[in-house]
């Protein structure tokens, strides 16, 4: 069973450690019951506010201020109110998209694939970062660790991000399956931190021996605030996967979807939008084909079939 029940003492240490290293100045979490609005407070067309979710795993917490700024930019360009919805878990965001309680979301590649399959989640655009529309899983350990290869993490403690994360769970699970192992058989203990930056901190502080994290988030943190990334090192870089996209709920008004896409695609050509994107470390938003995510589908299916056959 992937979600291994670990010893209570270890879990307590992990949670205390992550709480201790959290940023005191991080933006507040916004609940669905208490949404925060940006953009015009009154729409003369009588349109409902546009609800946009940003997953807590998409960016380090300190990066949320720039996403909030970008949502404000969207509201101005559309001429309507935008509600910022903050959720940490990928599954919860997919549920909100499925139920229609969220209109648009910055989602992870894995949850996008699942949402597309389960309820017809639709692609809008994808960010281009560092000139590419791909990202990687980084397997990291402490900077002073003697571990240099993923295989040397056998018998050690390990942090996954979200159970539905591509780079934070599926990719390392795939790596293990390829060598005939599971998280239960390979690691002494493993946990879910529910945020890539928390996984980085857990490794940096010696709470766990290793972790699999989103390359975009590690690179962002390493450039913006390397307090914790500087205490870790990358021992393995995965194959490239299609970058986490921006998706919209099924049934979103066609004209609204068209306008949203226009605003996203033009953001880098607007002085205000360009500055916000620079702070988000995004070059621009581009159109992307659903087929770009086929490698993730294939990986998920391969792991699924291995489990069905009882391998390993």
Protein backbone atom coordinates (compact mmCIF):
# COMPACT_ATOMS: atom_id res chain seq x y z
CA UNK A 1 0.00 0.00 0.00
CA UNK A 2 1.53 3.28 -1.16
CA UNK A 3 0.17 5.43 1.60
CA UNK A 4 2.11 3.64 4.27
CA UNK A 5 1.14 4.28 7.85
CA UNK A 6 4.33 5.45 9.47
CA UNK A 7 5.27 5.51 13.12
CA UNK A 8 3.44 8.19 15.06
CA UNK A 9 6.63 9.58 16.55
CA UNK A 10 8.24 10.12 13.16
CA UNK A 11 5.11 11.77 11.78
CA UNK A 12 4.96 14.07 14.77
CA UNK A 13 8.56 15.13 14.25
CA UNK A 14 7.88 15.73 10.56
CA UNK A 15 4.83 17.88 11.18
CA UNK A 16 6.57 19.89 13.90
CA UNK A 17 9.59 20.37 11.69
CA UNK A 18 7.56 21.56 8.72
CA UNK A 19 5.58 23.93 10.91
CA UNK A 20 8.76 25.35 12.39
CA UNK A 21 10.30 26.06 8.99
CA UNK A 22 7.19 27.61 7.41
CA UNK A 23 7.37 31.25 6.34
CA UNK A 24 5.71 33.52 8.87
CA UNK A 25 5.02 36.03 6.13
CA UNK A 26 3.32 33.58 3.77
CA UNK A 27 0.01 34.73 2.27
CA UNK A 28 -3.06 33.59 4.15
CA UNK A 29 -4.88 30.52 2.97
CA UNK A 30 -8.19 31.51 1.42
CA UNK A 31 -11.09 29.19 2.10
CA UNK A 32 -13.97 28.71 -0.30
CA UNK A 33 -16.25 30.08 2.38
CA UNK A 34 -14.21 33.29 2.61
CA UNK A 35 -13.05 34.10 -0.89
CA UNK A 36 -10.90 37.07 -1.81
CA UNK A 37 -11.94 39.13 -4.80
CA UNK A 38 -9.85 41.17 -7.21
CA UNK A 39 -10.82 43.29 -10.17
CA UNK A 40 -13.95 45.44 -10.54
CA UNK A 41 -16.38 44.96 -7.64
CA UNK A 42 -19.38 45.63 -9.86
CA UNK A 43 -19.96 44.25 -13.32
CA UNK A 44 -22.45 46.25 -15.40
CA UNK A 45 -23.35 43.11 -17.33
CA UNK A 46 -24.53 41.38 -14.17
CA UNK A 47 -21.94 38.63 -14.57
CA UNK A 48 -20.97 36.42 -11.64
CA UNK A 49 -17.41 36.60 -10.32
CA UNK A 50 -14.91 34.36 -12.09
CA UNK A 51 -13.55 31.79 -9.62
CA UNK A 52 -9.90 30.89 -10.17
CA UNK A 53 -7.99 28.40 -8.02
CA UNK A 54 -4.25 28.23 -7.49
CA UNK A 55 -3.05 24.99 -5.95
CA UNK A 56 -0.72 25.31 -2.99
CA UNK A 57 1.64 22.92 -4.77
CA UNK A 58 1.98 25.04 -7.93
CA UNK A 59 4.31 27.60 -6.35
CA UNK A 60 6.15 28.13 -3.06
CA UNK A 61 3.93 30.02 -0.64
CA UNK A 62 5.89 33.23 -1.08
CA UNK A 63 5.11 33.07 -4.80
CA UNK A 64 1.38 33.35 -4.19
CA UNK A 65 1.54 37.14 -4.13
CA UNK A 66 2.48 37.12 -7.82
CA UNK A 67 -0.32 34.72 -8.73
CA UNK A 68 -2.74 36.97 -6.88
CA UNK A 69 -1.35 39.88 -8.88
CA UNK A 70 -1.85 37.96 -12.10
CA UNK A 71 -5.46 37.19 -11.20
CA UNK A 72 -5.94 40.91 -10.58
CA UNK A 73 -4.52 41.52 -14.07
CA UNK A 74 -7.01 39.02 -15.53
CA UNK A 75 -9.89 40.75 -13.75
CA UNK A 76 -8.88 44.14 -15.15
CA UNK A 77 -8.56 42.83 -18.68
CA UNK A 78 -11.89 40.98 -18.54
CA UNK A 79 -13.66 43.82 -16.74
CA UNK A 80 -15.13 41.51 -14.14
CA UNK A 81 -14.61 40.40 -10.57
CA UNK A 82 -12.21 37.51 -9.94
CA UNK A 83 -12.26 35.36 -6.81
CA UNK A 84 -8.96 33.86 -5.73
CA UNK A 85 -9.35 30.32 -4.34
CA UNK A 86 -6.40 28.77 -2.53
CA UNK A 87 -6.31 25.01 -2.01
CA UNK A 88 -3.33 22.84 -1.14
CA UNK A 89 -4.57 19.42 -2.28
CA UNK A 90 -4.87 18.59 -5.97
CA UNK A 91 -7.84 16.29 -5.42
CA UNK A 92 -9.84 19.06 -3.77
CA UNK A 93 -9.22 21.45 -6.66
CA UNK A 94 -10.35 18.81 -9.15
CA UNK A 95 -13.50 18.26 -7.10
CA UNK A 96 -14.23 22.00 -7.15
CA UNK A 97 -13.74 22.09 -10.92
CA UNK A 98 -15.95 19.05 -11.35
CA UNK A 99 -18.76 20.51 -9.24
CA UNK A 100 -18.55 23.92 -10.92
CA UNK A 101 -17.49 25.69 -7.72
CA UNK A 102 -14.30 26.79 -9.50
CA UNK A 103 -14.15 27.98 -13.11
CA UNK A 104 -10.43 28.03 -13.82
CA UNK A 105 -7.42 26.52 -12.07
CA UNK A 106 -3.66 26.26 -12.23
CA UNK A 107 -3.33 22.49 -11.91
CA UNK A 108 -0.64 19.84 -11.89
CA UNK A 109 -0.10 17.67 -14.97
CA UNK A 110 -1.18 14.46 -13.21
CA UNK A 111 -4.47 15.85 -11.87
CA UNK A 112 -5.16 17.41 -15.27
CA UNK A 113 -4.87 13.98 -16.88
CA UNK A 114 -7.21 12.50 -14.25
CA UNK A 115 -9.66 15.39 -14.53
CA UNK A 116 -9.73 15.06 -18.29
CA UNK A 117 -10.50 11.34 -18.02
CA UNK A 118 -12.99 11.54 -15.18
CA UNK A 119 -15.11 14.59 -16.04
CA UNK A 120 -13.81 16.28 -19.17
CA UNK A 121 -11.52 18.92 -17.67
CA UNK A 122 -10.44 21.24 -20.49
CA UNK A 123 -7.04 22.72 -21.32
CA UNK A 124 -6.85 26.50 -21.62
CA UNK A 125 -3.15 27.37 -21.88
CA UNK A 126 0.19 26.33 -20.43
CA UNK A 127 3.07 28.40 -19.09
CA UNK A 128 6.39 28.48 -20.88
CA UNK A 129 9.29 28.65 -18.44
CA UNK A 130 12.98 28.83 -19.28
CA UNK A 131 12.01 28.60 -22.94
CA UNK A 132 10.23 25.25 -22.50
CA UNK A 133 6.80 23.79 -21.80
CA UNK A 134 8.17 20.81 -19.87
CA UNK A 135 9.31 20.18 -16.33
CA UNK A 136 11.03 17.40 -14.39
CA UNK A 137 11.05 15.51 -11.13
CA UNK A 138 14.15 16.20 -9.06
CA UNK A 139 15.20 13.54 -6.58
CA UNK A 140 16.95 15.47 -3.83
CA UNK A 141 18.94 14.67 -0.71
CA UNK A 142 20.79 16.79 1.83
CA UNK A 143 23.78 18.71 0.48
CA UNK A 144 26.19 16.90 2.81
CA UNK A 145 24.66 13.47 2.24
CA UNK A 146 26.89 10.69 0.94
CA UNK A 147 24.00 9.48 -1.23
CA UNK A 148 24.64 10.10 -4.93
CA UNK A 149 22.15 7.78 -6.63
CA UNK A 150 18.41 7.16 -6.24
CA UNK A 151 19.08 3.47 -5.57
CA UNK A 152 21.11 4.42 -2.49
CA UNK A 153 17.93 5.65 -0.81
CA UNK A 154 16.98 2.04 -0.10
CA UNK A 155 16.13 1.69 3.58
CA UNK A 156 16.00 5.47 4.05
CA UNK A 157 13.12 7.86 4.77
CA UNK A 158 11.48 9.68 1.86
CA UNK A 159 8.98 12.48 1.30
CA UNK A 160 6.38 12.49 -1.46
CA UNK A 161 4.40 15.66 -2.17
CA UNK A 162 0.71 15.11 -2.93
CA UNK A 163 -0.76 11.62 -3.57
CA UNK A 164 -1.98 12.89 -6.96
CA UNK A 165 1.20 14.74 -7.90
CA UNK A 166 3.05 13.75 -11.05
CA UNK A 167 6.59 14.71 -10.07
CA UNK A 168 5.93 14.46 -6.34
CA UNK A 169 4.54 10.92 -6.35
CA UNK A 170 3.89 9.21 -9.70
CA UNK A 171 7.36 9.68 -11.21
CA UNK A 172 9.32 8.30 -8.22
CA UNK A 173 6.79 5.46 -7.90
CA UNK A 174 7.41 4.70 -11.60
CA UNK A 175 11.17 4.77 -10.99
CA UNK A 176 10.75 2.25 -8.19
CA UNK A 177 8.45 -0.02 -10.21
CA UNK A 178 11.05 -0.13 -12.98
CA UNK A 179 13.51 -1.74 -10.55
CA UNK A 180 10.90 -4.05 -9.05
CA UNK A 181 10.21 -2.05 -5.91
CA UNK A 182 7.40 -0.14 -4.21
CA UNK A 183 7.65 2.69 -1.68
CA UNK A 184 6.77 0.15 1.04
CA UNK A 185 9.45 -2.32 0.03
CA UNK A 186 12.15 0.22 -0.75
CA UNK A 187 11.95 2.98 1.88
CA UNK A 188 12.08 2.53 5.63
CA UNK A 189 9.42 5.23 6.01
CA UNK A 190 7.64 7.61 3.64
CA UNK A 191 5.29 10.52 4.11
CA UNK A 192 3.27 13.07 2.14
CA UNK A 193 4.11 16.71 2.84
CA UNK A 194 1.39 18.13 0.54
CA UNK A 195 3.73 20.81 -0.82
CA UNK A 196 6.95 20.64 -2.82
CA UNK A 197 8.55 23.44 -0.82
CA UNK A 198 7.76 21.55 2.39
CA UNK A 199 9.47 18.48 0.94
CA UNK A 200 12.53 20.60 0.16
CA UNK A 201 12.57 21.94 3.72
CA UNK A 202 12.12 18.44 5.16
CA UNK A 203 15.23 17.26 3.32
CA UNK A 204 17.22 20.40 4.12
CA UNK A 205 16.46 20.04 7.83
CA UNK A 206 17.24 16.34 7.93
CA UNK A 207 13.68 15.30 8.70
CA UNK A 208 13.76 12.88 5.77
CA UNK A 209 16.66 11.53 3.74
CA UNK A 210 15.23 12.23 0.31
CA UNK A 211 12.30 13.59 -1.67
CA UNK A 212 10.93 13.98 -5.17
CA UNK A 213 10.04 17.54 -6.06
CA UNK A 214 8.81 19.65 -8.98
CA UNK A 215 11.80 21.10 -10.86
CA UNK A 216 9.97 24.40 -11.46
CA UNK A 217 9.43 24.91 -7.74
CA UNK A 218 12.97 23.88 -6.77
CA UNK A 219 14.43 26.19 -9.43
CA UNK A 220 12.11 29.04 -8.41
CA UNK A 221 13.07 28.71 -4.74
CA UNK A 222 16.75 28.34 -5.59
CA UNK A 223 16.71 31.65 -7.47
CA UNK A 224 14.39 33.60 -5.18
CA UNK A 225 15.25 32.33 -1.71
CA UNK A 226 17.82 29.50 -1.60
CA UNK A 227 17.69 29.17 2.18
CA UNK A 228 16.63 25.53 1.88
CA UNK A 229 17.54 24.54 -1.68
CA UNK A 230 21.16 25.46 -0.89
CA UNK A 231 21.11 22.70 1.72
CA UNK A 232 19.98 20.08 -0.79
CA UNK A 233 21.42 18.56 -3.96
CA UNK A 234 19.81 16.93 -6.99
CA UNK A 235 20.90 13.33 -7.47
CA UNK A 236 18.53 12.46 -10.31
CA UNK A 237 16.56 14.35 -12.91
CA UNK A 238 13.63 12.58 -14.55
CA UNK A 239 12.58 12.54 -18.18
CA UNK A 240 10.71 15.71 -19.25
CA UNK A 241 6.93 15.87 -18.85
CA UNK A 242 4.38 18.37 -20.15
CA UNK A 243 4.24 21.37 -17.85
CA UNK A 244 1.35 21.90 -15.36
CA UNK A 245 -1.36 23.74 -17.32
CA UNK A 246 -4.20 26.16 -16.71
CA UNK A 247 -7.49 24.29 -17.07
CA UNK A 248 -11.17 25.21 -17.08
CA UNK A 249 -14.23 23.36 -15.90
CA UNK A 250 -16.42 21.58 -18.43
CA UNK A 251 -19.30 23.75 -19.65
CA UNK A 252 -17.59 27.10 -19.12
CA UNK A 253 -19.13 29.67 -21.47
CA UNK A 254 -17.41 29.41 -24.85
CA UNK A 255 -17.01 33.17 -25.27
CA UNK A 256 -15.61 33.54 -21.76
CA UNK A 257 -13.14 30.74 -22.41
CA UNK A 258 -12.10 32.49 -25.63
CA UNK A 259 -11.58 35.80 -23.80
CA UNK A 260 -9.65 34.11 -21.00
CA UNK A 261 -7.31 32.47 -23.49
CA UNK A 262 -6.78 35.81 -25.20
CA UNK A 263 -5.82 37.49 -21.91
CA UNK A 264 -3.42 34.72 -20.94
CA UNK A 265 -1.73 34.58 -24.34
CA UNK A 266 -1.31 38.36 -24.49
CA UNK A 267 -0.07 38.86 -20.93
CA UNK A 268 3.63 38.90 -21.84
CA UNK A 269 3.03 41.71 -24.37
CA UNK A 270 1.43 43.95 -21.72
CA UNK A 271 3.86 45.95 -19.50
CA UNK A 272 2.03 45.07 -16.28
CA UNK A 273 1.50 41.45 -17.31
CA UNK A 274 5.11 41.07 -18.39
CA UNK A 275 6.39 42.25 -15.00
CA UNK A 276 4.08 39.89 -13.11
CA UNK A 277 5.11 36.95 -15.29
CA UNK A 278 8.76 37.81 -14.71
CA UNK A 279 8.20 37.54 -10.96
CA UNK A 280 6.36 34.24 -11.49
CA UNK A 281 9.38 33.08 -13.55
CA UNK A 282 7.12 32.42 -16.52
CA UNK A 283 8.15 33.56 -20.00
CA UNK A 284 4.62 33.62 -21.34
CA UNK A 285 1.51 31.48 -21.72
CA UNK A 286 1.11 29.40 -24.86
CA UNK A 287 -1.41 27.01 -26.37
CA UNK A 288 -0.71 23.33 -25.75
CA UNK A 289 -2.18 20.14 -27.15
CA UNK A 290 -3.70 17.49 -24.92
CA UNK A 291 -1.42 14.91 -26.57
CA UNK A 292 1.54 16.51 -24.80
CA UNK A 293 0.31 14.77 -21.64
CA UNK A 294 0.23 11.28 -23.19
CA UNK A 295 3.56 10.29 -21.61
CA UNK A 296 2.00 10.85 -18.19
CA UNK A 297 -1.01 8.76 -19.17
CA UNK A 298 1.28 5.97 -20.35
CA UNK A 299 3.28 6.07 -17.13
CA UNK A 300 0.13 5.99 -14.99
CA UNK A 301 -1.23 3.05 -16.98
CA UNK A 302 2.05 1.13 -16.76
CA UNK A 303 2.21 1.52 -12.98
CA UNK A 304 -1.47 0.54 -12.73
CA UNK A 305 -0.93 -2.64 -14.75
CA UNK A 306 2.11 -3.58 -12.69
CA UNK A 307 0.02 -3.33 -9.53
CA UNK A 308 -2.76 -5.41 -11.07
CA UNK A 309 -0.29 -8.16 -11.88
CA UNK A 310 1.15 -8.00 -8.41
CA UNK A 311 4.50 -6.80 -9.71
CA UNK A 312 6.56 -6.16 -7.76
